[in-house]
Every structure is written in C-alpha cells, then in structure tokens.
Amino acid sequence: MGDIDDLDTAHHRDRPGAEGATDPVGQEVSQEPAERTSAPPVIATTAAQMRRRKDKAVGLGIVAATFGVSMLFSLWAKHASTPPTSEEPAPPTTTGLIGYPEKIDPLAALPLARELTKRPLLRGFVADGVSPKGLIDVRDKASKVRFSFQSAPGQGAQPPRAPGTLPTRTYCGRQNVLVKKDGIGAEPDVASFPCGSKPPTALPEPRCRPEKLWALAKKKGVPTKGRARIEYFEARKGPAYRFSIPGTKHRFVVGEDCKREIKGKAALGNVP
C-alpha cells in the first residue's frame, strides 16, 4: 500500500495547478493568477472626439456668422451709399384749396403746399396777380403762386450715381409747388439744383399779409387798378417782401416786420 500512496502523491504534484506541482522540466509552477490586460479607454477617446467635434462646429459657426454679418454690412453700406431719388409728383388738386378759384389767399395755401413736397425748407414764394384785397383769381392765366422748397446740403433726393461712389458736388435740390387754374400741385423735383454760395436755411413763416403790403403801396401813390407781384425771399439783411407792379416803376422792399423799408444792396435777393 505504501507504494501506491507514494505514486498518488507524485501524481498529484505533477498535475498543473496543484500545490507543489512542477513543470515538465521539474520547476515549480507559480500559483499567482496571470496579470489581466487592461481594456482600451473607449469612453475617454469618445469624449475627446466629441469635444473636438464640438469645437469644430463652434468654429464653423463663428466663421459663418462673421461672413453673414459682413454680407449684411456690405448690403447696408451699398444701400446707404445709394442716394434717394426724386418721386413723381401727384397731379394738381383743388381739394383743401381755400377760396378756389377766384379768392385764393396765398398764405392760406402754404400749409397745403408743404404737404406736397419732401423738401422741408421754405425758400420763399412769388404771388402774381394779387389784388388790393390780398387775393388772387387763378381764372386769369397771369395769376398764380409759386412756393419754393429746398433741402439741407446733401439731404433729400440726389442726382443718380453709381453705388459706392461719392457725389461730385453738393446738391440741395429744389421743388416748386404751384397754385394755378387747375389747382395746387408740385412740379417735378430738381435733384441736381445746387446749393448756392451758402447753405440754404428755412425762412420763417410769412407774417406780412398781401393786403398790408398793398396798404403800404397806396401810401406811396401806387394805383389800385393794377395787380401786384409779391415776393417773399431772403435778402442780404434777412427775410424780406418785395412789392411791384409789373410793367411799372412801382417797387419797394420791406423787412420781415412789414414796416422797415430796405433799400440798395441790402434789398438784393430772389426766390430760388
């Protein structure tokens, strides 16, 4: 029996994994578990790729937004550098024209004239065929009123020019509003009208009524049978009124107060 036990013991030692077992060349086999190979950092790699993709998307978004803003700015600059052009005026009308046709008050027509133009600066008016009562009868072809309006330099409708280019000179434009037999209406706007030697300014609202100018004329011996031309304009000394009877020597100029007479070079000026 002892031999059998010794054989069993030796056989046990020779089995792989058995305590005290030896390899085929007689060396003892280690019983420590084999070292495990670590799994690849799949999650870390995926997170890094996500960050890179996000940064790339943000960069592309910034580039696209910058390009879009640049295009919008370019379009805005092109539109801003393109001057507004004149519009076709509406046909004459008698609506709201007080006293039409034989008893029109020139000053009463001024608010209506302002509505018919985009030029904001009143530069004066010329009224032809004014009776001693301060009225005009547009049934007479010689009787009419012309209101003149302008804009500040470079403002309002300008002459056409290529986009992105600068004007060759400064324009103030001009538009007349006429009161005639067919009613009140604006003439075509003249965008290329120059500004003159100095920038135009708006004249104050006229305060000297036509009949008062006629009263001054009577004191000067002007016969009342005629029809007068009355002008409101900017003289060298400021706003002024000129009274004249066409075809005669009857003529004088008074200041804005309708009292002080202006003579000589101080009375020079006209309605644009």
Protein backbone atom coordinates (compact mmCIF):
# COMPACT_ATOMS: atom_id res chain seq x y z
CA MET A 1 0.00 0.00 0.00
CA GLY A 2 2.88 2.35 0.71
CA ASP A 3 4.00 2.27 -2.88
CA ILE A 4 0.56 3.16 -4.10
CA ASP A 5 0.40 6.16 -1.75
CA ASP A 6 3.74 7.40 -2.98
CA LEU A 7 2.57 7.15 -6.58
CA ASP A 8 -0.60 9.10 -5.82
CA THR A 9 1.38 11.82 -4.12
CA ALA A 10 3.77 12.13 -7.00
CA HIS A 11 0.91 12.18 -9.50
CA HIS A 12 -0.80 14.94 -7.53
CA ARG A 13 2.31 17.09 -7.63
CA ASP A 14 2.67 16.65 -11.36
CA ARG A 15 -0.85 17.96 -12.16
CA PRO A 16 -0.89 21.50 -13.45
CA GLY A 17 -2.16 23.92 -10.87
CA ALA A 18 -1.66 21.52 -7.97
CA GLU A 19 0.22 22.91 -4.97
CA GLY A 20 3.88 21.98 -5.29
CA ALA A 21 3.47 20.82 -8.87
CA THR A 22 6.43 21.08 -11.19
CA ASP A 23 6.67 21.78 -14.88
CA PRO A 24 7.89 19.10 -17.25
CA VAL A 25 11.49 20.13 -16.59
CA GLY A 26 10.96 19.95 -12.86
CA GLN A 27 10.48 23.59 -11.97
CA GLU A 28 7.74 24.58 -9.66
CA VAL A 29 4.73 26.20 -11.36
CA SER A 30 3.69 29.62 -9.93
CA GLN A 31 0.25 29.66 -8.39
CA GLU A 32 -0.22 33.50 -8.79
CA PRO A 33 -3.06 34.42 -11.17
CA ALA A 34 -1.95 35.74 -14.57
CA GLU A 35 -1.93 39.54 -14.90
CA ARG A 36 -5.05 40.82 -16.75
CA THR A 37 -4.66 43.10 -19.78
CA SER A 38 -6.50 46.45 -19.14
CA ALA A 39 -9.39 47.34 -21.51
CA PRO A 40 -8.76 50.25 -24.01
CA PRO A 41 -10.04 53.74 -22.87
CA VAL A 42 -13.02 53.68 -25.20
CA ILE A 43 -15.06 56.14 -23.16
CA ALA A 44 -12.19 58.65 -22.80
CA THR A 45 -11.46 58.52 -26.52
CA THR A 46 -15.12 59.06 -27.40
CA ALA A 47 -15.35 62.10 -25.07
CA ALA A 48 -12.26 63.67 -26.65
CA GLN A 49 -13.69 63.16 -30.11
CA MET A 50 -16.96 64.76 -29.02
CA ARG A 51 -15.06 67.81 -27.70
CA ARG A 52 -13.12 68.16 -30.92
CA ARG A 53 -16.30 67.89 -32.98
CA LYS A 54 -17.98 70.48 -30.79
CA ASP A 55 -15.03 72.89 -31.08
CA LYS A 56 -15.04 72.41 -34.84
CA ALA A 57 -18.77 73.11 -35.05
CA VAL A 58 -18.38 76.24 -32.93
CA GLY A 59 -15.53 77.46 -35.14
CA LEU A 60 -17.54 76.88 -38.29
CA GLY A 61 -20.47 78.68 -36.71
CA ILE A 62 -18.31 81.71 -35.89
CA VAL A 63 -16.95 81.79 -39.43
CA ALA A 64 -20.45 81.53 -40.90
CA ALA A 65 -21.81 84.23 -38.59
CA THR A 66 -18.90 86.55 -39.42
CA PHE A 67 -19.47 86.02 -43.12
CA GLY A 68 -23.19 86.68 -42.73
CA VAL A 69 -22.58 89.88 -40.78
CA SER A 70 -20.06 91.01 -43.40
CA MET A 71 -22.57 90.39 -46.18
CA LEU A 72 -25.29 92.29 -44.32
CA PHE A 73 -22.92 95.18 -43.66
CA SER A 74 -21.91 95.23 -47.31
CA LEU A 75 -25.55 95.34 -48.42
CA TRP A 76 -26.32 98.06 -45.87
CA ALA A 77 -23.32 100.13 -47.00
CA LYS A 78 -24.38 99.77 -50.62
CA HIS A 79 -27.93 100.86 -49.76
CA ALA A 80 -26.68 103.73 -47.59
CA SER A 81 -24.37 104.99 -50.32
CA THR A 82 -27.19 104.95 -52.87
CA PRO A 83 -28.92 108.34 -52.68
CA PRO A 84 -32.70 108.64 -52.62
CA THR A 85 -34.19 109.64 -55.94
CA SER A 86 -36.99 112.05 -56.76
CA GLU A 87 -40.55 110.78 -56.90
CA GLU A 88 -43.14 111.69 -59.50
CA PRO A 89 -45.47 114.38 -58.12
CA ALA A 90 -49.19 113.82 -57.81
CA PRO A 91 -51.48 115.65 -60.26
CA PRO A 92 -52.86 119.05 -59.20
CA THR A 93 -55.89 119.11 -56.95
CA THR A 94 -58.40 121.66 -55.70
CA THR A 95 -59.14 119.73 -52.51
CA GLY A 96 -58.46 121.90 -49.47
CA LEU A 97 -57.55 124.94 -51.58
CA ILE A 98 -59.43 127.70 -49.77
CA GLY A 99 -61.06 130.34 -51.97
CA TYR A 100 -60.53 128.44 -55.22
CA PRO A 101 -60.67 129.70 -57.90
CA GLU A 102 -61.23 133.47 -57.62
CA LYS A 103 -60.42 134.31 -53.96
CA ILE A 104 -57.28 132.39 -53.11
CA ASP A 105 -55.22 133.65 -50.19
CA PRO A 106 -51.54 132.85 -50.96
CA LEU A 107 -50.58 132.49 -47.31
CA ALA A 108 -53.52 130.19 -46.60
CA ALA A 109 -52.27 127.84 -49.33
CA LEU A 110 -48.82 127.42 -47.74
CA PRO A 111 -49.70 124.53 -45.35
CA LEU A 112 -51.18 122.59 -48.25
CA ALA A 113 -48.07 123.28 -50.33
CA ARG A 114 -45.84 121.83 -47.60
CA GLU A 115 -47.72 118.55 -47.77
CA LEU A 116 -46.96 118.16 -51.47
CA THR A 117 -43.15 118.12 -51.21
CA LYS A 118 -40.50 116.27 -49.21
CA ARG A 119 -38.18 119.27 -49.31
CA PRO A 120 -38.53 120.78 -45.82
CA LEU A 121 -37.00 124.26 -46.21
CA LEU A 122 -39.30 127.06 -47.38
CA ARG A 123 -37.14 129.33 -49.52
CA GLY A 124 -39.86 131.83 -50.40
CA PHE A 125 -42.84 132.39 -52.65
CA VAL A 126 -43.88 134.52 -55.61
CA ALA A 127 -47.55 135.52 -55.96
CA ASP A 128 -48.67 137.05 -59.26
CA GLY A 129 -51.96 138.85 -59.83
CA VAL A 130 -52.53 139.90 -56.22
CA SER A 131 -55.48 142.27 -55.79
CA PRO A 132 -55.62 145.10 -53.20
CA LYS A 133 -57.61 142.69 -51.03
CA GLY A 134 -54.64 140.32 -50.95
CA LEU A 135 -56.30 137.63 -53.07
CA ILE A 136 -55.67 136.12 -56.49
CA ASP A 137 -58.02 134.83 -59.17
CA VAL A 138 -56.44 131.85 -60.96
CA ARG A 139 -59.02 132.06 -63.74
CA ASP A 140 -56.69 134.74 -65.04
CA LYS A 141 -53.75 132.90 -66.66
CA ALA A 142 -51.30 135.51 -65.34
CA SER A 143 -52.37 134.85 -61.76
CA LYS A 144 -50.51 132.12 -59.85
CA VAL A 145 -48.43 131.37 -56.77
CA ARG A 146 -45.08 129.57 -56.68
CA PHE A 147 -43.72 128.17 -53.40
CA SER A 148 -40.07 127.16 -53.43
CA PHE A 149 -38.66 124.40 -51.20
CA GLN A 150 -35.14 123.04 -50.76
CA SER A 151 -33.20 120.65 -48.52
CA ALA A 152 -30.04 120.97 -46.47
CA PRO A 153 -26.81 120.17 -48.38
CA GLY A 154 -26.68 116.51 -49.37
CA GLN A 155 -30.14 115.81 -47.94
CA GLY A 156 -33.28 114.71 -49.73
CA ALA A 157 -33.36 113.36 -53.27
CA GLN A 158 -30.00 113.50 -55.03
CA PRO A 159 -28.90 113.02 -58.65
CA PRO A 160 -28.40 109.32 -59.53
CA ARG A 161 -24.86 107.97 -59.17
CA ALA A 162 -23.13 104.59 -59.11
CA PRO A 163 -23.41 102.69 -55.79
CA GLY A 164 -20.45 103.23 -53.50
CA THR A 165 -19.34 106.46 -55.18
CA LEU A 166 -19.31 109.97 -53.76
CA PRO A 167 -21.11 112.94 -55.32
CA THR A 168 -19.02 115.28 -57.43
CA ARG A 169 -20.56 118.31 -55.71
CA THR A 170 -23.09 119.17 -53.01
CA TYR A 171 -26.73 119.45 -54.03
CA CYS A 172 -29.67 120.95 -52.14
CA GLY A 173 -32.32 120.22 -54.76
CA ARG A 174 -35.43 122.27 -55.32
CA GLN A 175 -39.11 121.63 -55.77
CA ASN A 176 -41.77 124.19 -56.63
CA VAL A 177 -45.40 123.90 -55.64
CA LEU A 178 -47.71 125.89 -57.89
CA VAL A 179 -51.20 127.26 -57.43
CA LYS A 180 -52.78 127.75 -60.84
CA LYS A 181 -56.00 127.34 -62.76
CA ASP A 182 -56.02 123.56 -62.36
CA GLY A 183 -55.44 123.70 -58.59
CA ILE A 184 -52.39 123.17 -56.43
CA GLY A 185 -49.68 120.70 -57.32
CA ALA A 186 -45.93 120.11 -57.20
CA GLU A 187 -43.62 120.38 -60.16
CA PRO A 188 -41.10 117.57 -60.76
CA ASP A 189 -38.33 117.69 -58.19
CA VAL A 190 -34.98 119.04 -59.43
CA ALA A 191 -32.45 116.90 -57.51
CA SER A 192 -29.45 118.45 -59.28
CA PHE A 193 -30.23 122.01 -58.15
CA PRO A 194 -27.05 123.41 -56.50
CA CYS A 195 -26.88 124.83 -53.00
CA GLY A 196 -25.50 128.23 -53.91
CA SER A 197 -22.77 130.22 -52.21
CA LYS A 198 -24.04 129.32 -48.73
CA PRO A 199 -26.24 126.51 -47.35
CA PRO A 200 -29.94 127.32 -47.58
CA THR A 201 -31.95 127.97 -44.45
CA ALA A 202 -35.68 127.89 -43.95
CA LEU A 203 -37.43 131.24 -43.97
CA PRO A 204 -39.77 131.97 -41.05
CA GLU A 205 -43.48 131.66 -41.57
CA PRO A 206 -44.57 134.75 -43.54
CA ARG A 207 -46.29 137.30 -41.30
CA CYS A 208 -46.74 140.24 -43.63
CA ARG A 209 -50.05 139.76 -45.37
CA PRO A 210 -50.53 140.79 -49.03
CA GLU A 211 -53.28 143.30 -48.24
CA LYS A 212 -50.98 145.03 -45.74
CA LEU A 213 -48.33 145.38 -48.44
CA TRP A 214 -50.99 146.88 -50.68
CA ALA A 215 -51.80 149.37 -47.91
CA LEU A 216 -48.16 150.45 -47.86
CA ALA A 217 -48.24 150.73 -51.65
CA LYS A 218 -51.26 153.03 -51.54
CA LYS A 219 -49.37 155.36 -49.22
CA LYS A 220 -46.68 155.51 -51.89
CA GLY A 221 -49.25 156.50 -54.52
CA VAL A 222 -49.49 153.15 -56.29
CA PRO A 223 -52.78 152.99 -58.25
CA THR A 224 -55.13 150.25 -57.09
CA LYS A 225 -56.32 149.26 -60.55
CA GLY A 226 -53.29 147.08 -61.18
CA ARG A 227 -52.41 143.64 -59.91
CA ALA A 228 -49.27 143.22 -57.89
CA ARG A 229 -46.43 140.72 -57.71
CA ILE A 230 -45.46 139.93 -54.14
CA GLU A 231 -42.27 138.05 -53.33
CA TYR A 232 -41.13 136.62 -50.02
CA PHE A 233 -37.40 135.91 -50.14
CA GLU A 234 -34.08 136.08 -48.30
CA ALA A 235 -32.46 139.45 -48.82
CA ARG A 236 -28.97 140.33 -47.70
CA LYS A 237 -30.41 141.71 -44.47
CA GLY A 238 -32.66 138.74 -43.82
CA PRO A 239 -36.26 137.77 -44.75
CA ALA A 240 -37.96 140.44 -46.83
CA TYR A 241 -41.01 141.19 -49.00
CA ARG A 242 -40.86 142.81 -52.40
CA PHE A 243 -43.93 144.57 -53.84
CA SER A 244 -44.03 145.51 -57.51
CA ILE A 245 -46.48 146.28 -60.28
CA PRO A 246 -45.19 144.55 -63.45
CA GLY A 247 -44.54 146.97 -66.28
CA THR A 248 -44.22 149.99 -63.99
CA LYS A 249 -41.65 151.62 -61.77
CA HIS A 250 -43.65 150.91 -58.64
CA ARG A 251 -41.43 148.75 -56.45
CA PHE A 252 -40.29 148.62 -52.82
CA VAL A 253 -38.91 146.13 -50.31
CA VAL A 254 -39.73 145.88 -46.61
CA GLY A 255 -38.31 143.74 -43.83
CA GLU A 256 -39.89 140.84 -42.02
CA ASP A 257 -41.73 143.23 -39.69
CA CYS A 258 -43.63 144.61 -42.71
CA LYS A 259 -42.65 148.17 -41.69
CA ARG A 260 -38.96 148.85 -42.18
CA GLU A 261 -38.15 149.62 -45.80
CA ILE A 262 -34.96 148.14 -47.20
CA LYS A 263 -33.08 149.89 -49.99
CA GLY A 264 -29.96 149.48 -52.05
CA LYS A 265 -27.80 146.37 -51.95
CA ALA A 266 -29.43 145.24 -48.71
CA ALA A 267 -32.64 144.61 -50.68
CA LEU A 268 -31.00 142.33 -53.24
CA GLY A 269 -32.12 138.74 -53.44
CA ASN A 270 -34.70 136.50 -55.06
CA VAL A 271 -36.69 133.32 -54.69
CA PRO A 272 -34.72 130.24 -55.89
